[in-house]
């Protein structure tokens, strides 16, 4: 005869603590800095140059040759026939 071990299962109760997490909502006010921008008038100097342009006449003489007309009158005697008519 041969002997063989036979496994036997026994359940033993062992108490193990079960952790249960409970959440509780809690409102905590935290100070918060709120920045608000407000316009403040700051004087700003702007330098502007005003340039007034005034014409400065510059006269330059240019020689221009113009022919001069010289009249030389000559006396001529022209005989014109004269017809006389007499009335009676």
N, C-alpha and C. Protein backbone atom coordinates (compact mmCIF):
# COMPACT_ATOMS: atom_id res chain seq x y z
N UNK A 1 0.83 -1.15 0.00
CA UNK A 1 0.00 0.00 0.00
C UNK A 1 0.89 1.24 0.00
N UNK A 2 0.41 2.11 -0.75
CA UNK A 2 1.16 3.34 -0.89
C UNK A 2 0.34 4.46 -0.27
N UNK A 3 0.98 5.37 0.44
CA UNK A 3 0.25 6.47 1.07
C UNK A 3 0.53 7.76 0.30
N UNK A 4 -0.54 8.42 0.01
CA UNK A 4 -0.45 9.69 -0.73
C UNK A 4 -1.20 10.74 0.09
N UNK A 5 -0.61 11.91 0.14
CA UNK A 5 -1.26 12.96 0.93
C UNK A 5 -2.43 13.55 0.14
N UNK A 6 -3.47 13.77 0.87
CA UNK A 6 -4.66 14.32 0.25
C UNK A 6 -4.83 15.75 0.78
N UNK A 7 -4.85 16.75 -0.11
CA UNK A 7 -5.00 18.12 0.36
C UNK A 7 -6.43 18.36 0.87
N UNK A 8 -6.47 19.06 1.95
CA UNK A 8 -7.77 19.36 2.56
C UNK A 8 -7.82 20.87 2.76
N UNK A 9 -8.90 21.51 2.35
CA UNK A 9 -9.03 22.97 2.41
C UNK A 9 -9.94 23.29 3.58
N UNK A 10 -9.42 24.20 4.47
CA UNK A 10 -10.21 24.65 5.59
C UNK A 10 -10.20 26.18 5.55
N UNK A 11 -11.33 26.75 5.72
CA UNK A 11 -11.45 28.20 5.73
C UNK A 11 -11.46 28.67 7.16
N UNK A 12 -10.55 29.63 7.44
CA UNK A 12 -10.47 30.19 8.79
C UNK A 12 -10.74 31.68 8.65
N UNK A 13 -11.59 32.18 9.50
CA UNK A 13 -11.90 33.59 9.46
C UNK A 13 -10.79 34.38 10.12
N UNK A 14 -10.32 35.36 9.38
CA UNK A 14 -9.29 36.23 9.92
C UNK A 14 -9.77 37.67 9.69
N UNK A 15 -9.79 38.43 10.72
CA UNK A 15 -10.30 39.79 10.60
C UNK A 15 -9.19 40.72 10.11
N UNK A 16 -9.48 41.41 9.01
CA UNK A 16 -8.57 42.39 8.42
C UNK A 16 -9.34 43.71 8.34
N UNK A 17 -8.74 44.77 8.85
CA UNK A 17 -9.48 46.03 8.81
C UNK A 17 -9.62 46.56 7.36
N UNK A 18 -10.82 46.95 7.02
CA UNK A 18 -11.11 47.50 5.70
C UNK A 18 -11.16 49.02 5.83
N UNK A 19 -10.36 49.67 5.05
CA UNK A 19 -10.30 51.12 5.14
C UNK A 19 -11.31 51.71 4.17
N UNK A 20 -12.15 52.57 4.70
CA UNK A 20 -13.17 53.24 3.90
C UNK A 20 -12.85 54.74 3.95
N UNK A 21 -12.75 55.33 2.79
CA UNK A 21 -12.42 56.76 2.73
C UNK A 21 -13.72 57.52 2.49
N UNK A 22 -13.97 58.49 3.37
CA UNK A 22 -15.15 59.31 3.24
C UNK A 22 -14.69 60.73 2.89
N UNK A 23 -15.30 61.28 1.92
CA UNK A 23 -14.94 62.62 1.47
C UNK A 23 -15.93 63.62 2.05
N UNK A 24 -15.38 64.71 2.56
CA UNK A 24 -16.20 65.78 3.09
C UNK A 24 -15.82 67.05 2.35
N UNK A 25 -16.81 67.71 1.79
CA UNK A 25 -16.54 68.94 1.04
C UNK A 25 -16.42 70.09 2.02
N UNK A 26 -15.33 70.83 1.90
CA UNK A 26 -15.07 71.91 2.82
C UNK A 26 -14.67 73.13 1.99
N UNK A 27 -15.34 74.26 2.21
CA UNK A 27 -15.05 75.49 1.45
C UNK A 27 -14.19 76.39 2.32
N UNK A 28 -13.01 76.69 1.82
CA UNK A 28 -12.08 77.57 2.54
C UNK A 28 -11.86 78.78 1.65
N UNK A 29 -12.13 79.96 2.22
CA UNK A 29 -11.93 81.18 1.45
C UNK A 29 -10.46 81.59 1.49
N UNK A 30 -9.93 81.81 0.30
CA UNK A 30 -8.52 82.18 0.16
C UNK A 30 -8.49 83.59 -0.42
N UNK A 31 -7.75 84.48 0.21
CA UNK A 31 -7.70 85.85 -0.35
C UNK A 31 -7.01 85.84 -1.72
N UNK A 32 -7.62 86.56 -2.66
CA UNK A 32 -7.08 86.61 -4.01
C UNK A 32 -6.98 88.07 -4.43
N UNK A 33 -5.86 88.42 -5.01
CA UNK A 33 -5.63 89.80 -5.44
C UNK A 33 -6.13 89.94 -6.87
N UNK A 34 -7.04 90.89 -7.06
CA UNK A 34 -7.57 91.15 -8.39
C UNK A 34 -7.03 92.50 -8.84
N UNK A 35 -6.35 92.51 -9.95
CA UNK A 35 -5.78 93.74 -10.49
C UNK A 35 -6.76 94.34 -11.49
N UNK A 36 -7.09 95.61 -11.26
CA UNK A 36 -7.99 96.31 -12.15
C UNK A 36 -7.22 97.48 -12.75
N UNK A 37 -7.22 97.56 -14.05
CA UNK A 37 -6.48 98.63 -14.71
C UNK A 37 -7.38 99.84 -14.88
N UNK A 38 -6.86 100.99 -14.47
CA UNK A 38 -7.59 102.23 -14.62
C UNK A 38 -6.69 103.21 -15.37
N UNK A 39 -7.25 103.92 -16.32
CA UNK A 39 -6.41 104.87 -17.08
C UNK A 39 -6.08 106.10 -16.24
N UNK A 40 -4.84 106.51 -16.31
CA UNK A 40 -4.38 107.71 -15.63
C UNK A 40 -3.70 108.57 -16.69
N UNK A 41 -4.10 109.83 -16.75
CA UNK A 41 -3.52 110.72 -17.76
C UNK A 41 -2.09 111.08 -17.37
N UNK A 42 -1.20 110.81 -18.29
CA UNK A 42 0.21 111.12 -18.10
C UNK A 42 0.60 112.11 -19.18
N UNK A 43 1.12 113.28 -18.81
CA UNK A 43 1.50 114.25 -19.86
C UNK A 43 2.67 113.72 -20.67
N UNK A 44 2.51 113.79 -21.95
CA UNK A 44 3.56 113.30 -22.86
C UNK A 44 3.93 114.45 -23.79
N UNK A 45 5.18 114.80 -23.81
CA UNK A 45 5.63 115.90 -24.65
C UNK A 45 6.03 115.37 -26.02
N UNK A 46 5.46 115.98 -27.02
CA UNK A 46 5.79 115.60 -28.39
C UNK A 46 6.39 116.84 -29.05
N UNK A 47 7.62 116.74 -29.50
CA UNK A 47 8.29 117.86 -30.15
C UNK A 47 7.98 117.80 -31.64
N UNK A 48 7.42 118.90 -32.12
CA UNK A 48 7.04 118.99 -33.53
C UNK A 48 7.78 120.18 -34.13
N UNK A 49 8.39 119.96 -35.25
CA UNK A 49 9.09 121.05 -35.95
C UNK A 49 8.21 121.52 -37.10
N UNK A 50 7.93 122.81 -37.10
CA UNK A 50 7.15 123.41 -38.19
C UNK A 50 8.12 124.11 -39.12
N UNK A 51 8.14 123.69 -40.35
CA UNK A 51 9.05 124.27 -41.34
C UNK A 51 8.20 125.06 -42.33
N UNK A 52 8.49 126.37 -42.41
CA UNK A 52 7.78 127.22 -43.36
C UNK A 52 8.75 127.53 -44.50
N UNK A 53 8.36 127.19 -45.69
CA UNK A 53 9.23 127.41 -46.83
C UNK A 53 8.78 128.69 -47.55
N UNK A 54 9.69 129.63 -47.64
CA UNK A 54 9.42 130.91 -48.29
C UNK A 54 10.30 130.98 -49.54
N UNK A 55 9.71 131.32 -50.68
CA UNK A 55 10.54 131.38 -51.90
C UNK A 55 11.52 132.55 -51.83
N UNK A 56 12.75 132.28 -52.20
CA UNK A 56 13.78 133.31 -52.25
C UNK A 56 14.14 133.48 -53.72
N UNK A 57 13.71 134.59 -54.33
CA UNK A 57 13.96 134.75 -55.77
C UNK A 57 15.44 134.94 -56.07
N UNK A 58 15.87 134.27 -57.08
CA UNK A 58 17.26 134.40 -57.53
C UNK A 58 17.20 134.83 -58.99
N UNK A 59 17.67 136.04 -59.25
CA UNK A 59 17.58 136.61 -60.60
C UNK A 59 18.90 136.33 -61.30
N UNK A 60 18.77 135.76 -62.47
CA UNK A 60 19.95 135.48 -63.28
C UNK A 60 19.68 136.05 -64.66
N UNK A 61 20.57 136.91 -65.10
CA UNK A 61 20.39 137.57 -66.40
C UNK A 61 21.02 136.70 -67.48
N UNK A 62 20.24 136.44 -68.51
CA UNK A 62 20.70 135.66 -69.65
C UNK A 62 20.70 136.59 -70.87
N UNK A 63 21.79 136.62 -71.58
CA UNK A 63 21.88 137.47 -72.77
C UNK A 63 21.12 136.81 -73.91
N UNK A 64 20.21 137.61 -74.48
CA UNK A 64 19.46 137.11 -75.62
C UNK A 64 19.59 138.15 -76.72
N UNK A 65 20.08 137.72 -77.84
CA UNK A 65 20.31 138.65 -78.93
C UNK A 65 19.04 138.78 -79.77
N UNK A 66 18.62 140.04 -79.92
CA UNK A 66 17.43 140.35 -80.72
C UNK A 66 17.89 141.27 -81.86
N UNK A 67 17.53 140.95 -83.07
CA UNK A 67 17.97 141.83 -84.17
C UNK A 67 17.28 143.19 -84.09
N UNK A 68 18.06 144.22 -84.26
CA UNK A 68 17.54 145.58 -84.20
C UNK A 68 17.22 146.02 -85.62
N UNK A 69 16.01 146.48 -85.77
CA UNK A 69 15.56 146.90 -87.10
C UNK A 69 15.84 148.40 -87.22
N UNK A 70 16.60 148.76 -88.18
CA UNK A 70 16.94 150.17 -88.43
C UNK A 70 16.27 150.58 -89.74
N UNK A 71 15.43 151.58 -89.65
CA UNK A 71 14.73 152.08 -90.85
C UNK A 71 15.57 153.21 -91.48
N UNK A 72 15.75 153.08 -92.74
CA UNK A 72 16.47 154.13 -93.47
C UNK A 72 15.52 154.67 -94.55
N UNK A 73 14.84 155.72 -94.19
CA UNK A 73 13.91 156.26 -95.19
C UNK A 73 14.66 156.94 -96.36
N UNK A 74 14.12 156.74 -97.52
CA UNK A 74 14.68 157.37 -98.71
C UNK A 74 13.57 158.14 -99.43
N UNK A 75 13.91 159.28 -99.85
CA UNK A 75 12.91 160.11 -100.51
C UNK A 75 12.94 159.81 -102.01
N UNK A 76 11.75 159.52 -102.53
CA UNK A 76 11.64 159.25 -103.96
C UNK A 76 10.53 160.13 -104.53
N UNK A 77 10.78 160.56 -105.63
CA UNK A 77 9.78 161.40 -106.30
C UNK A 77 9.14 160.54 -107.38
N UNK A 78 7.83 160.42 -107.25
CA UNK A 78 7.07 159.63 -108.22
C UNK A 78 6.08 160.60 -108.89
N UNK A 79 6.10 160.65 -110.17
CA UNK A 79 5.19 161.54 -110.91
C UNK A 79 3.89 160.82 -111.14
N UNK A 80 2.83 161.52 -110.78
CA UNK A 80 1.49 160.96 -110.92
C UNK A 80 0.76 161.81 -111.98
N UNK A 81 0.16 161.19 -112.95
CA UNK A 81 -0.55 161.99 -113.94
C UNK A 81 -1.80 162.62 -113.32
N UNK A 82 -1.98 163.87 -113.63
CA UNK A 82 -3.08 164.63 -113.06
C UNK A 82 -4.03 164.99 -114.20
N UNK A 83 -5.22 164.62 -114.07
CA UNK A 83 -6.21 164.99 -115.07
C UNK A 83 -7.16 165.98 -114.44
N UNK A 84 -7.27 167.11 -115.07
CA UNK A 84 -8.12 168.18 -114.57
C UNK A 84 -9.43 168.16 -115.36
N UNK A 85 -10.43 168.21 -114.63
CA UNK A 85 -11.73 168.33 -115.29
C UNK A 85 -12.34 169.65 -114.86
N UNK A 86 -12.79 170.38 -115.81
CA UNK A 86 -13.37 171.68 -115.50
C UNK A 86 -14.87 171.61 -115.70
N UNK A 87 -15.53 172.27 -114.91
CA UNK A 87 -16.98 172.28 -114.99
C UNK A 87 -17.41 173.66 -115.53
N UNK A 88 -18.34 173.70 -116.35
CA UNK A 88 -18.83 174.94 -116.87
C UNK A 88 -20.21 175.17 -116.49
